[in-house]
Amino acid sequence: MRVMVLSHGHPDLGAGGAERAAYSLFQALKTDPTVEKAVFVARAEHDAIGHSAFFGSFRGRPDEILAAPPPVDGLTFQSQNYDLLKQLIQELIRHVQPDVVHIHHFIYWGLDIFELFREAGVRVIFTFHEYAAICAHFGQMIKTNGRLCYAASPAECSGCFPSISAGKFFVRESILKQFFGNVDMFVSPSAFLKDRYVAWGLPAERIAVIENIMDQDVLRKVRSLSDRKVLRVEGDRRLTLAYFGQINPYKGVDVLLEACASLPKRTRKRIEVRIHGENKHFRDTDFGRKVDRLLEETRGVVRMMGAYRNQEVLDLMRGSDWIIIPSIWWENSPIVIQEARMAGRPIIYADIGGMAEKADPRVDLPFSAGSPGALADVIRYLVEAEAQGDNAVLSAHVESRLTSDAENYRRHMTLYLGEASEPVKRRQLAS
């Protein structure tokens, strides 16, 4: 079997969760002796490719391809140059000859790719990473007034975007559902996200709930540890809370900073908050200025640690006591939760979406999403009660995450070999 994994970006060029999940799957496919060929294709700008051509290999790796598809309509996600996109997809198919294409995002590529691969006889698998098909507000299902959106409709979407009529949103939804008809099977990393898409109108039987594959380098590091029991950070020191991820308006970093700013001095003296991530895309925005102001207010409590590599995440997490996930949107299945599991660290999480679904009430602590006061209460409780997660439960999570990753990979392979495995059969007959 030959598999193409197609992503909207390369994780080494932009470390979002969806890019990392797609690349981790590609890593696993490369080590599988039953897979004849695995190729990772990532959308990139021409300057990342290094020349004006539409294709290039990433760092000279022949199985990692960078591609520059034409622009996409911001509302309907249809390609603005269908003929050029068709030419690019046909070239990829000729080069890779895939039996299966596993698409991890259609933004930047365009919905048309589903139809183009299907027409070429390639089995199409698509993983949802958020709600881009349902929500025109960056796929976050947060209304433009900042409130959570519980269900979408053309009229309600028009309420968020008054310049776009409900009729246009109806057409948008119809176009998306029409192109989704070319997908053989959908993958949802959380039951919560699946339920949202079923409520939107997709058949439940076409959506398999499968957790994302983890970074293979991180998994190898966990397996190589001679003692995978939870290690506590010892010594007379501050309680260390850590945030990992992108710094943008939806990840709740400002909620975390506001919570820290509201803590009494006696509590602030007993904690250290480390923020691991970058903010380069929002530095010159209202959000960036808000973060800068809050960082000044929390000087001596909060430390900006900068960007980090996937290979470093376990060591960084094991140097902390708790991992905080303060997102204000319906997260699907944050990779940071899975990483915290492998590091043996409990989480403090906003109690909505995939975060609540993935949490373990035996060791993890929730707070009301978007509420700095509620998060401050949890932090105060941790300091005053000197609370810690149960070591036995956390150690069991480390072991079970290794086992579950193998099962998640097996379930992906089952989808690839599903009822529509005719391309494999045809190519075998031809040879």
Protein backbone atom coordinates (compact mmCIF):
# COMPACT_ATOMS: atom_id res chain seq x y z
CA MET A 1 0.00 0.00 0.00
CA ARG A 2 1.15 3.53 -0.83
CA VAL A 3 -0.08 6.36 1.42
CA MET A 4 0.08 10.12 0.94
CA VAL A 5 -0.41 12.26 4.05
CA LEU A 6 -1.45 15.77 3.03
CA SER A 7 -1.26 18.68 5.47
CA HIS A 8 -1.82 22.43 5.38
CA GLY A 9 1.70 22.98 6.72
CA HIS A 10 4.95 21.35 7.78
CA PRO A 11 5.47 21.20 11.58
CA ASP A 12 9.05 22.45 11.23
CA LEU A 13 7.73 25.57 9.50
CA GLY A 14 4.67 26.13 11.72
CA ALA A 15 4.16 24.01 14.82
CA GLY A 16 0.37 23.79 15.06
CA GLY A 17 -1.29 20.69 16.49
CA ALA A 18 -2.82 19.57 13.18
CA GLU A 19 0.53 19.76 11.36
CA ARG A 20 2.19 17.79 14.14
CA ALA A 21 -0.53 15.13 14.13
CA ALA A 22 -0.25 14.68 10.36
CA TYR A 23 3.53 14.42 10.50
CA SER A 24 3.46 11.95 13.40
CA LEU A 25 1.19 9.70 11.36
CA PHE A 26 3.63 9.93 8.45
CA GLN A 27 6.50 8.98 10.80
CA ALA A 28 4.60 5.88 11.90
CA LEU A 29 3.75 4.89 8.33
CA LYS A 30 7.42 5.08 7.34
CA THR A 31 8.35 2.45 9.92
CA ASP A 32 5.58 0.02 8.92
CA PRO A 33 6.97 -2.80 6.71
CA THR A 34 3.51 -3.38 5.24
CA VAL A 35 3.50 0.15 3.76
CA GLU A 36 5.30 0.20 0.42
CA LYS A 37 5.63 3.98 0.33
CA ALA A 38 4.64 6.89 2.58
CA VAL A 39 4.94 10.52 1.46
CA PHE A 40 4.22 13.69 3.40
CA VAL A 41 2.94 16.65 1.38
CA ALA A 42 2.71 20.04 3.10
CA ARG A 43 1.43 23.32 1.77
CA ALA A 44 4.08 26.05 1.92
CA GLU A 45 4.85 29.51 0.57
CA HIS A 46 7.29 29.83 -2.32
CA ASP A 47 9.95 31.33 -0.06
CA ALA A 48 9.88 28.17 2.08
CA ILE A 49 10.25 26.05 -1.05
CA GLY A 50 13.22 28.17 -2.04
CA HIS A 51 12.29 28.89 -5.65
CA SER A 52 9.32 29.85 -7.82
CA ALA A 53 8.30 26.29 -8.72
CA PHE A 54 5.16 24.81 -7.19
CA PHE A 55 6.96 21.83 -5.63
CA GLY A 56 10.12 21.27 -3.64
CA SER A 57 11.54 18.68 -1.25
CA PHE A 58 11.83 19.69 2.39
CA ARG A 59 15.52 19.78 3.38
CA GLY A 60 16.31 17.46 0.48
CA ARG A 61 14.08 14.65 1.77
CA PRO A 62 12.44 12.93 -1.21
CA ASP A 63 9.46 11.70 0.84
CA GLU A 64 8.63 15.15 2.26
CA ILE A 65 7.22 17.46 -0.39
CA LEU A 66 6.39 21.15 -0.07
CA ALA A 67 3.70 22.41 -2.43
CA ALA A 68 2.33 25.88 -3.21
CA PRO A 69 -1.30 25.51 -4.35
CA PRO A 70 -3.24 28.51 -5.69
CA PRO A 71 -5.25 30.76 -3.34
CA VAL A 72 -8.54 29.60 -1.82
CA ASP A 73 -11.80 31.52 -1.38
CA GLY A 74 -12.00 32.58 2.25
CA LEU A 75 -15.72 31.76 2.65
CA THR A 76 -16.37 28.63 0.57
CA PHE A 77 -12.82 27.18 0.58
CA GLN A 78 -12.99 26.53 -3.16
CA SER A 79 -9.81 27.00 -5.16
CA GLN A 80 -9.53 30.28 -7.04
CA ASN A 81 -7.62 28.52 -9.83
CA TYR A 82 -9.16 25.09 -10.28
CA ASP A 83 -7.19 24.23 -13.42
CA LEU A 84 -3.84 24.90 -11.74
CA LEU A 85 -4.88 22.98 -8.60
CA LYS A 86 -5.96 20.05 -10.77
CA GLN A 87 -2.59 20.09 -12.52
CA LEU A 88 -0.75 20.08 -9.15
CA ILE A 89 -2.83 17.23 -7.71
CA GLN A 90 -2.42 15.17 -10.87
CA GLU A 91 1.34 15.69 -10.69
CA LEU A 92 1.38 14.51 -7.06
CA ILE A 93 -0.65 11.44 -7.98
CA ARG A 94 1.70 10.60 -10.87
CA HIS A 95 4.72 11.00 -8.61
CA VAL A 96 3.44 9.10 -5.55
CA GLN A 97 0.83 6.78 -7.10
CA PRO A 98 -1.05 6.65 -3.79
CA ASP A 99 -3.68 4.10 -2.94
CA VAL A 100 -4.81 6.28 -0.06
CA VAL A 101 -4.56 9.99 0.64
CA HIS A 102 -5.07 11.03 4.26
CA ILE A 103 -5.91 14.73 4.28
CA HIS A 104 -5.45 16.64 7.54
CA HIS A 105 -6.82 19.98 6.42
CA PHE A 106 -8.42 21.59 3.37
CA ILE A 107 -7.57 25.21 4.21
CA TYR A 108 -4.94 26.60 1.81
CA TRP A 109 -5.58 23.59 -0.46
CA GLY A 110 -9.30 24.01 -1.19
CA LEU A 111 -12.23 21.62 -1.00
CA ASP A 112 -11.68 20.66 -4.63
CA ILE A 113 -8.89 18.27 -3.64
CA PHE A 114 -11.42 15.76 -2.28
CA GLU A 115 -13.06 15.50 -5.69
CA LEU A 116 -9.77 15.43 -7.59
CA PHE A 117 -8.36 12.55 -5.56
CA ARG A 118 -11.63 10.62 -5.67
CA GLU A 119 -11.90 11.00 -9.45
CA ALA A 120 -8.37 9.60 -9.75
CA GLY A 121 -9.41 6.44 -7.87
CA VAL A 122 -7.56 7.29 -4.67
CA ARG A 123 -9.22 6.38 -1.36
CA VAL A 124 -9.83 9.60 0.60
CA ILE A 125 -9.56 9.80 4.40
CA PHE A 126 -10.03 13.14 6.11
CA THR A 127 -9.26 14.10 9.73
CA PHE A 128 -11.17 16.95 11.36
CA HIS A 129 -9.01 19.12 13.62
CA GLU A 130 -11.55 21.84 14.35
CA TYR A 131 -14.82 23.25 13.01
CA ALA A 132 -13.75 25.10 9.86
CA ALA A 133 -16.55 23.54 7.82
CA ILE A 134 -19.18 24.60 10.34
CA CYS A 135 -17.83 27.96 11.48
CA ALA A 136 -16.51 30.82 9.34
CA HIS A 137 -14.90 32.45 12.40
CA PHE A 138 -11.54 30.68 12.07
CA GLY A 139 -13.27 27.34 12.70
CA GLN A 140 -13.32 28.02 16.45
CA MET A 141 -17.08 28.10 17.07
CA ILE A 142 -16.68 31.29 19.05
CA LYS A 143 -19.02 34.09 18.11
CA THR A 144 -17.52 37.39 17.02
CA ASN A 145 -18.70 38.86 20.34
CA GLY A 146 -16.46 36.37 22.16
CA ARG A 147 -19.15 33.97 23.36
CA LEU A 148 -19.07 30.24 22.74
CA CYS A 149 -21.21 29.05 19.84
CA TYR A 150 -23.25 25.93 20.63
CA ALA A 151 -24.78 25.33 17.18
CA ALA A 152 -24.47 26.92 13.76
CA SER A 153 -27.14 27.93 11.26
CA PRO A 154 -27.08 30.25 8.22
CA ALA A 155 -29.05 32.91 10.13
CA GLU A 156 -26.83 32.75 13.23
CA CYS A 157 -23.66 32.81 11.12
CA SER A 158 -24.96 35.89 9.33
CA GLY A 159 -25.47 37.44 12.76
CA CYS A 160 -21.73 37.10 13.37
CA PHE A 161 -20.94 38.46 9.90
CA PRO A 162 -23.70 40.97 8.99
CA SER A 163 -22.08 41.76 5.64
CA ILE A 164 -22.68 38.15 4.52
CA SER A 165 -26.32 37.12 4.04
CA ALA A 166 -27.88 33.99 5.50
CA GLY A 167 -28.40 32.84 1.93
CA LYS A 168 -24.67 32.92 1.25
CA PHE A 169 -24.04 30.91 4.41
CA PHE A 170 -26.63 28.38 3.22
CA VAL A 171 -24.79 28.11 -0.10
CA ARG A 172 -21.47 27.76 1.78
CA GLU A 173 -22.83 24.86 3.82
CA SER A 174 -24.24 23.17 0.71
CA ILE A 175 -20.90 23.44 -1.12
CA LEU A 176 -18.97 21.98 1.82
CA LYS A 177 -21.34 19.04 2.20
CA GLN A 178 -21.24 18.38 -1.53
CA PHE A 179 -17.44 18.14 -1.55
CA PHE A 180 -17.45 16.05 1.65
CA GLY A 181 -19.42 13.50 -0.37
CA ASN A 182 -16.09 12.58 -1.99
CA VAL A 183 -14.57 11.50 1.34
CA ASP A 184 -14.57 7.74 1.99
CA MET A 185 -14.17 8.04 5.77
CA PHE A 186 -13.76 10.87 8.26
CA VAL A 187 -11.61 10.70 11.39
CA SER A 188 -12.41 12.65 14.53
CA PRO A 189 -9.88 12.62 17.38
CA SER A 190 -12.65 13.23 19.92
CA ALA A 191 -16.26 12.13 20.37
CA PHE A 192 -17.16 15.74 21.12
CA LEU A 193 -16.03 16.95 17.69
CA LYS A 194 -17.78 14.03 15.98
CA ASP A 195 -21.03 14.92 17.70
CA ARG A 196 -20.74 18.50 16.42
CA TYR A 197 -20.34 17.31 12.83
CA VAL A 198 -23.16 14.78 13.14
CA ALA A 199 -25.43 17.55 14.43
CA TRP A 200 -24.32 19.61 11.41
CA GLY A 201 -25.48 16.86 9.08
CA LEU A 202 -22.71 14.33 8.41
CA PRO A 203 -23.60 10.61 8.77
CA ALA A 204 -22.36 9.24 12.09
CA GLU A 205 -21.33 5.94 10.48
CA ARG A 206 -18.82 7.73 8.25
CA ILE A 207 -16.93 9.30 11.17
CA ALA A 208 -14.49 7.13 13.15
CA VAL A 209 -13.30 8.45 16.52
CA ILE A 210 -9.55 7.81 16.62
CA GLU A 211 -7.01 9.71 18.70
CA ASN A 212 -4.13 11.40 16.87
CA ILE A 213 -0.86 9.49 16.50
CA MET A 214 1.89 10.91 18.72
CA ASP A 215 5.32 12.13 17.64
CA GLN A 216 7.45 9.03 17.13
CA ASP A 217 10.58 10.65 18.57
CA VAL A 218 8.69 11.46 21.76
CA LEU A 219 7.33 7.91 21.96
CA ARG A 220 10.81 6.45 21.51
CA LYS A 221 12.07 8.68 24.30
CA VAL A 222 9.35 7.43 26.65
CA ARG A 223 10.07 3.80 25.75
CA SER A 224 13.80 4.31 26.35
CA LEU A 225 13.30 5.52 29.92
CA SER A 226 14.49 2.82 32.30
CA ASP A 227 12.02 4.06 34.93
CA ARG A 228 8.75 5.36 33.57
CA LYS A 229 7.28 6.05 36.98
CA VAL A 230 6.28 9.62 37.70
CA LEU A 231 9.21 11.70 38.92
CA ARG A 232 8.45 14.55 41.27
CA VAL A 233 10.50 17.72 41.19
CA GLU A 234 12.07 17.76 44.67
CA GLY A 235 13.41 20.56 46.82
CA ASP A 236 12.20 23.63 48.64
CA ARG A 237 10.92 25.62 45.71
CA ARG A 238 7.95 27.24 44.09
CA LEU A 239 5.06 25.24 42.67
CA THR A 240 5.70 25.20 38.91
CA LEU A 241 2.81 25.53 36.45
CA ALA A 242 3.51 25.33 32.71
CA TYR A 243 1.70 26.26 29.51
CA PHE A 244 2.68 24.68 26.17
CA GLY A 245 1.41 25.73 22.76
CA GLN A 246 0.70 28.58 20.43
CA ILE A 247 0.10 32.02 21.90
CA ASN A 248 -3.02 33.32 20.20
CA PRO A 249 -6.40 34.77 21.25
CA TYR A 250 -8.07 31.35 21.47
CA LYS A 251 -5.57 29.44 23.61
CA GLY A 252 -6.37 31.38 26.78
CA VAL A 253 -2.89 32.62 27.64
CA ASP A 254 -4.42 35.96 28.59
CA VAL A 255 -6.85 34.14 30.91
CA LEU A 256 -3.85 32.50 32.60
CA LEU A 257 -2.03 35.83 32.94
CA GLU A 258 -5.11 37.58 34.31
CA ALA A 259 -5.52 34.78 36.86
CA CYS A 260 -1.89 35.22 37.96
CA ALA A 261 -2.30 38.99 38.18
CA SER A 262 -5.29 38.59 40.52
CA LEU A 263 -3.50 36.28 42.99
CA PRO A 264 -2.60 37.67 46.42
CA LYS A 265 1.08 38.36 47.04
CA ARG A 266 1.49 35.42 49.43
CA THR A 267 0.31 33.04 46.66
CA ARG A 268 2.38 34.68 43.93
CA LYS A 269 5.52 34.19 46.00
CA ARG A 270 4.94 30.43 46.03
CA ILE A 271 4.40 29.78 42.30
CA GLU A 272 6.24 30.07 39.02
CA VAL A 273 4.35 30.01 35.72
CA ARG A 274 6.31 29.08 32.62
CA ILE A 275 4.89 29.83 29.18
CA HIS A 276 6.40 27.73 26.40
CA GLY A 277 5.47 29.03 22.95
CA GLU A 278 5.66 31.91 20.50
CA ASN A 279 3.57 34.99 19.81
CA LYS A 280 5.11 36.29 16.59
CA HIS A 281 1.85 36.48 14.61
CA PHE A 282 0.05 38.57 17.23
CA ARG A 283 2.75 40.93 18.48
CA ASP A 284 1.29 44.02 16.82
CA THR A 285 -2.35 43.34 17.69
CA ASP A 286 -4.64 44.26 20.57
CA PHE A 287 -4.16 40.73 21.90
CA GLY A 288 -0.37 41.03 21.73
CA ARG A 289 -0.45 44.36 23.57
CA LYS A 290 -2.75 42.86 26.21
CA VAL A 291 -0.32 39.98 26.75
CA ASP A 292 2.61 42.39 27.04
CA ARG A 293 0.73 44.46 29.64
CA LEU A 294 -0.18 41.38 31.67
CA LEU A 295 3.39 40.10 31.52
CA GLU A 296 4.53 43.36 33.06
CA GLU A 297 1.90 43.02 35.80
CA THR A 298 3.00 39.44 36.57
CA ARG A 299 6.74 40.08 36.51
CA GLY A 300 8.44 37.76 39.00
CA VAL A 301 5.69 35.15 38.64
CA VAL A 302 5.47 34.42 34.91
CA ARG A 303 8.44 33.50 32.72
CA MET A 304 8.31 33.47 28.91
CA MET A 305 10.32 30.41 27.91
CA GLY A 306 10.10 30.84 24.12
CA ALA A 307 9.62 28.23 21.43
CA TYR A 308 10.42 24.57 21.98
CA ARG A 309 11.00 21.49 19.82
CA ASN A 310 8.80 18.39 20.04
CA GLN A 311 11.80 16.37 21.16
CA GLU A 312 12.18 18.63 24.22
CA VAL A 313 8.60 18.57 25.44
CA LEU A 314 8.90 15.60 27.82
CA ASP A 315 11.89 17.02 29.66
CA LEU A 316 10.26 20.43 29.89
CA MET A 317 7.02 18.99 31.22
CA ARG A 318 8.78 16.71 33.69
CA GLY A 319 10.42 19.83 35.10
CA SER A 320 6.99 21.20 36.01
CA ASP A 321 4.33 20.16 38.54
CA TRP A 322 1.14 20.88 36.57
CA ILE A 323 0.32 21.59 32.92
CA ILE A 324 -2.28 24.31 32.31
CA ILE A 325 -4.60 24.21 29.27
CA PRO A 326 -6.71 27.40 29.44
CA SER A 327 -8.21 27.44 25.90
CA ILE A 328 -11.40 29.44 25.47
CA TRP A 329 -12.69 27.46 22.44
CA TRP A 330 -14.01 23.92 22.05
CA GLU A 331 -10.64 22.24 21.66
CA ASN A 332 -10.85 18.98 19.74
CA SER A 333 -8.08 16.82 21.20
CA PRO A 334 -5.12 18.92 22.34
CA ILE A 335 -1.82 17.14 21.74
CA VAL A 336 -0.54 18.80 24.89
CA ILE A 337 -2.83 16.55 26.96
CA GLN A 338 -1.33 13.42 25.40
CA GLU A 339 2.17 14.81 25.97
CA ALA A 340 1.33 15.56 29.60
CA ARG A 341 0.17 11.96 29.97
CA MET A 342 3.50 10.64 28.67
CA ALA A 343 5.38 13.05 30.94
CA GLY A 344 3.35 11.85 33.91
CA ARG A 345 1.98 15.28 34.72
CA PRO A 346 -1.59 16.21 35.77
CA ILE A 347 -3.43 18.98 33.94
CA ILE A 348 -5.47 22.03 34.89
CA TYR A 349 -7.98 22.50 32.07
CA ALA A 350 -10.87 24.61 30.84
CA ASP A 351 -13.94 22.42 31.30
CA ILE A 352 -15.28 22.36 27.72
CA GLY A 353 -14.99 20.36 24.50
CA GLY A 354 -12.28 17.79 23.92
CA MET A 355 -10.36 19.03 26.96
CA ALA A 356 -13.08 17.84 29.32
CA GLU A 357 -13.45 14.60 27.35
CA LYS A 358 -9.75 13.72 27.65
CA ALA A 359 -9.36 14.70 31.33
CA ASP A 360 -9.13 12.21 34.20
CA PRO A 361 -11.04 13.41 37.28
CA ARG A 362 -8.77 11.31 39.50
CA VAL A 363 -5.76 13.53 38.82
CA ASP A 364 -6.79 16.54 36.74
CA LEU A 365 -8.45 19.78 37.87
CA PRO A 366 -11.07 21.73 35.84
CA PHE A 367 -12.02 25.39 35.88
CA SER A 368 -14.73 27.37 34.14
CA ALA A 369 -13.56 28.18 30.62
CA GLY A 370 -12.66 31.82 30.06
CA SER A 371 -12.76 32.68 33.77
CA PRO A 372 -9.53 34.09 35.24
CA GLY A 373 -11.14 34.06 38.68
CA ALA A 374 -11.99 30.36 38.49
CA LEU A 375 -8.44 29.54 37.37
CA ALA A 376 -7.01 31.69 40.17
CA ASP A 377 -9.12 29.71 42.66
CA VAL A 378 -7.61 26.44 41.41
CA ILE A 379 -4.07 27.80 41.65
CA ARG A 380 -4.73 29.08 45.17
CA TYR A 381 -6.09 25.67 46.16
CA LEU A 382 -2.98 23.92 44.82
CA VAL A 383 -0.70 26.20 46.81
CA GLU A 384 -2.64 26.15 50.07
CA ALA A 385 -3.47 22.43 50.02
CA GLU A 386 -0.12 21.44 48.47
CA ALA A 387 -2.17 19.17 46.22
CA GLN A 388 -0.55 16.71 43.82
CA GLY A 389 -1.86 14.20 41.31
CA ASP A 390 -1.93 10.52 42.29
CA ASN A 391 1.45 9.05 41.29
CA ALA A 392 0.07 5.58 40.61
CA VAL A 393 -2.63 6.91 38.28
CA LEU A 394 -0.20 9.20 36.46
CA SER A 395 2.33 6.38 36.01
CA ALA A 396 -0.42 4.15 34.61
CA HIS A 397 -1.25 6.89 32.09
CA VAL A 398 2.34 6.82 30.83
CA GLU A 399 2.14 3.10 30.07
CA SER A 400 -1.39 3.14 28.65
CA ARG A 401 -0.55 6.01 26.28
CA LEU A 402 2.14 3.86 24.65
CA THR A 403 -0.32 0.98 24.19
CA SER A 404 -3.11 3.20 22.92
CA ASP A 405 -0.87 4.78 20.29
CA ALA A 406 -0.29 1.38 18.69
CA GLU A 407 -4.04 0.77 18.72
CA ASN A 408 -4.74 4.18 17.19
CA TYR A 409 -2.29 3.40 14.38
CA ARG A 410 -3.92 0.01 13.77
CA ARG A 411 -7.33 1.66 13.48
CA HIS A 412 -5.97 4.13 10.92
CA MET A 413 -4.65 1.22 8.86
CA THR A 414 -8.05 -0.48 9.03
CA LEU A 415 -9.61 2.62 7.47
CA TYR A 416 -6.98 2.66 4.72
CA LEU A 417 -7.71 -0.96 3.84
CA GLY A 418 -11.50 -0.54 4.13
CA GLU A 419 -14.16 -1.50 1.65
CA ALA A 420 -12.86 0.93 -0.97
CA SER A 421 -9.42 -0.67 -1.26
CA GLU A 422 -9.86 -1.12 -5.03
CA PRO A 423 -6.82 1.03 -5.94
CA VAL A 424 -4.61 -1.46 -4.07
CA LYS A 425 -6.21 -4.39 -5.86
CA ARG A 426 -5.99 -2.73 -9.27
CA ARG A 427 -2.32 -1.91 -8.88
CA GLN A 428 -1.52 -5.41 -7.65
CA LEU A 429 -3.29 -6.88 -10.68
CA ALA A 430 -1.45 -4.52 -13.01
CA SER A 431 1.91 -5.62 -11.62
